Amino acid sequence: MAKRENDSFSVKDLMQSFIKENNLSKGMQKIKIEEAWNKLMGQGVANYTNSVRLQNKTLIIQLSSSVLREELGYGKEKIIKMINEEFGEDIVVKLMLI
């Protein structure tokens, strides 16, 4: 009978290594960016958000309210900083509100 190794790994560690080995990190970031946007900006802003896309380190947010778009435009740098802190790395360099 073969001897079993007693190494244990968490599911989180295994998933992270799988994502890294298969170069899936950019795709995962694109999926998680919408969740991060809704979490950081709150339900009020999320209600007026039509789409959230990450494209070449540019976060593109489509909003249905021109007033909200104008208000968020004043805090672009703060929003970029909050999102990068949420991910723990600089994934957003530019924010476009359309």
C-alpha atoms as a PDB file:
ATOM      1  CA  MET A   1       0.000   0.000   0.000  1.00  0.00           C
ATOM      2  CA  ALA A   2       1.375   3.418  -0.988  1.00  0.00           C
ATOM      3  CA  LYS A   3       2.084   5.906   1.740  1.00  0.00           C
ATOM      4  CA  ARG A   4       0.003   9.108   1.568  1.00  0.00           C
ATOM      5  CA  GLU A   5       1.623  12.457   1.958  1.00  0.00           C
ATOM      6  CA  ASN A   6       0.133  14.526   4.709  1.00  0.00           C
ATOM      7  CA  ASP A   7       0.514  17.940   3.053  1.00  0.00           C
ATOM      8  CA  SER A   8      -2.651  19.971   3.274  1.00  0.00           C
ATOM      9  CA  PHE A   9      -3.442  23.031   1.215  1.00  0.00           C
ATOM     10  CA  SER A  10      -6.317  25.445   1.453  1.00  0.00           C
ATOM     11  CA  VAL A  11      -8.720  25.719  -1.460  1.00  0.00           C
ATOM     12  CA  LYS A  12      -7.860  29.417  -1.762  1.00  0.00           C
ATOM     13  CA  ASP A  13      -4.151  28.652  -2.198  1.00  0.00           C
ATOM     14  CA  LEU A  14      -4.873  25.939  -4.746  1.00  0.00           C
ATOM     15  CA  MET A  15      -7.168  28.235  -6.762  1.00  0.00           C
ATOM     16  CA  GLN A  16      -4.609  31.045  -6.735  1.00  0.00           C
ATOM     17  CA  SER A  17      -1.849  28.753  -7.966  1.00  0.00           C
ATOM     18  CA  PHE A  18      -4.164  27.349 -10.673  1.00  0.00           C
ATOM     19  CA  ILE A  19      -5.067  30.863 -11.842  1.00  0.00           C
ATOM     20  CA  LYS A  20      -1.413  31.896 -11.877  1.00  0.00           C
ATOM     21  CA  GLU A  21      -0.199  28.777 -13.738  1.00  0.00           C
ATOM     22  CA  ASN A  22      -2.863  29.115 -16.435  1.00  0.00           C
ATOM     23  CA  ASN A  23      -2.509  32.904 -16.905  1.00  0.00           C
ATOM     24  CA  LEU A  24      -6.115  33.573 -15.880  1.00  0.00           C
ATOM     25  CA  SER A  25      -5.421  36.548 -13.598  1.00  0.00           C
ATOM     26  CA  LYS A  26      -6.512  39.214 -16.104  1.00  0.00           C
ATOM     27  CA  GLY A  27      -9.800  37.445 -16.729  1.00  0.00           C
ATOM     28  CA  MET A  28     -10.428  37.068 -13.010  1.00  0.00           C
ATOM     29  CA  GLN A  29      -9.724  40.768 -12.494  1.00  0.00           C
ATOM     30  CA  LYS A  30     -12.315  41.646 -15.120  1.00  0.00           C
ATOM     31  CA  ILE A  31     -14.881  39.538 -13.284  1.00  0.00           C
ATOM     32  CA  LYS A  32     -14.037  40.858  -9.825  1.00  0.00           C
ATOM     33  CA  ILE A  33     -13.909  44.527 -10.844  1.00  0.00           C
ATOM     34  CA  GLU A  34     -17.714  44.827 -11.017  1.00  0.00           C
ATOM     35  CA  GLU A  35     -18.071  43.309  -7.552  1.00  0.00           C
ATOM     36  CA  ALA A  36     -15.440  45.715  -6.211  1.00  0.00           C
ATOM     37  CA  TRP A  37     -17.180  48.702  -7.847  1.00  0.00           C
ATOM     38  CA  ASN A  38     -20.531  47.837  -6.259  1.00  0.00           C
ATOM     39  CA  LYS A  39     -18.930  47.162  -2.876  1.00  0.00           C
ATOM     40  CA  LEU A  40     -16.849  50.354  -2.772  1.00  0.00           C
ATOM     41  CA  MET A  41     -19.375  52.757  -4.283  1.00  0.00           C
ATOM     42  CA  GLY A  42     -22.476  51.455  -2.515  1.00  0.00           C
ATOM     43  CA  GLN A  43     -25.968  50.550  -3.610  1.00  0.00           C
ATOM     44  CA  GLY A  44     -26.912  54.118  -4.586  1.00  0.00           C
ATOM     45  CA  VAL A  45     -24.229  54.378  -7.262  1.00  0.00           C
ATOM     46  CA  ALA A  46     -24.679  50.737  -8.289  1.00  0.00           C
ATOM     47  CA  ASN A  47     -28.332  51.459  -9.156  1.00  0.00           C
ATOM     48  CA  TYR A  48     -27.212  54.014 -11.761  1.00  0.00           C
ATOM     49  CA  THR A  49     -24.351  51.877 -13.136  1.00  0.00           C
ATOM     50  CA  ASN A  50     -25.111  50.216 -16.470  1.00  0.00           C
ATOM     51  CA  SER A  51     -21.769  48.496 -17.093  1.00  0.00           C
ATOM     52  CA  VAL A  52     -18.310  48.124 -15.581  1.00  0.00           C
ATOM     53  CA  ARG A  53     -15.404  47.075 -17.811  1.00  0.00           C
ATOM     54  CA  LEU A  54     -11.657  46.829 -17.345  1.00  0.00           C
ATOM     55  CA  GLN A  55      -9.718  47.314 -20.558  1.00  0.00           C
ATOM     56  CA  ASN A  56      -5.924  47.796 -20.663  1.00  0.00           C
ATOM     57  CA  LYS A  57      -5.733  49.189 -17.111  1.00  0.00           C
ATOM     58  CA  THR A  58      -8.584  51.596 -17.902  1.00  0.00           C
ATOM     59  CA  LEU A  59     -11.773  51.216 -15.892  1.00  0.00           C
ATOM     60  CA  ILE A  60     -14.765  52.157 -18.038  1.00  0.00           C
ATOM     61  CA  ILE A  61     -17.963  52.887 -16.127  1.00  0.00           C
ATOM     62  CA  GLN A  62     -21.214  53.516 -17.979  1.00  0.00           C
ATOM     63  CA  LEU A  63     -23.688  55.489 -15.869  1.00  0.00           C
ATOM     64  CA  SER A  64     -27.313  56.332 -16.550  1.00  0.00           C
ATOM     65  CA  SER A  65     -27.213  59.600 -14.571  1.00  0.00           C
ATOM     66  CA  SER A  66     -25.329  62.587 -15.969  1.00  0.00           C
ATOM     67  CA  VAL A  67     -25.433  64.301 -12.565  1.00  0.00           C
ATOM     68  CA  LEU A  68     -23.789  61.292 -10.897  1.00  0.00           C
ATOM     69  CA  ARG A  69     -21.229  61.113 -13.708  1.00  0.00           C
ATOM     70  CA  GLU A  70     -20.284  64.737 -13.048  1.00  0.00           C
ATOM     71  CA  GLU A  71     -20.058  64.197  -9.273  1.00  0.00           C
ATOM     72  CA  LEU A  72     -17.889  61.080  -9.599  1.00  0.00           C
ATOM     73  CA  GLY A  73     -15.663  62.895 -12.075  1.00  0.00           C
ATOM     74  CA  TYR A  74     -14.406  65.121  -9.255  1.00  0.00           C
ATOM     75  CA  GLY A  75     -13.113  62.116  -7.306  1.00  0.00           C
ATOM     76  CA  LYS A  76     -11.524  60.007 -10.057  1.00  0.00           C
ATOM     77  CA  GLU A  77      -8.124  59.771  -8.355  1.00  0.00           C
ATOM     78  CA  LYS A  78      -9.695  58.696  -5.067  1.00  0.00           C
ATOM     79  CA  ILE A  79     -11.805  56.027  -6.819  1.00  0.00           C
ATOM     80  CA  ILE A  80      -8.726  54.667  -8.632  1.00  0.00           C
ATOM     81  CA  LYS A  81      -6.818  54.535  -5.347  1.00  0.00           C
ATOM     82  CA  MET A  82      -9.683  52.741  -3.552  1.00  0.00           C
ATOM     83  CA  ILE A  83     -10.004  50.095  -6.280  1.00  0.00           C
ATOM     84  CA  ASN A  84      -6.256  49.476  -6.431  1.00  0.00           C
ATOM     85  CA  GLU A  85      -6.178  49.094  -2.638  1.00  0.00           C
ATOM     86  CA  GLU A  86      -9.067  46.618  -2.831  1.00  0.00           C
ATOM     87  CA  PHE A  87      -7.098  44.445  -5.265  1.00  0.00           C
ATOM     88  CA  GLY A  88      -3.730  44.989  -3.600  1.00  0.00           C
ATOM     89  CA  GLU A  89      -2.070  45.979  -6.865  1.00  0.00           C
ATOM     90  CA  ASP A  90      -2.254  48.714  -9.498  1.00  0.00           C
ATOM     91  CA  ILE A  91      -4.782  47.296 -11.939  1.00  0.00           C
ATOM     92  CA  VAL A  92      -6.455  50.641 -12.756  1.00  0.00           C
ATOM     93  CA  VAL A  93      -4.487  53.602 -14.076  1.00  0.00           C
ATOM     94  CA  LYS A  94      -7.279  55.572 -15.738  1.00  0.00           C
ATOM     95  CA  LEU A  95     -11.014  55.936 -15.028  1.00  0.00           C
ATOM     96  CA  MET A  96     -13.502  56.796 -17.758  1.00  0.00           C
ATOM     97  CA  LEU A  97     -17.061  57.725 -16.838  1.00  0.00           C
ATOM     98  CA  ILE A  98     -19.382  57.541 -19.830  1.00  0.00           C
END
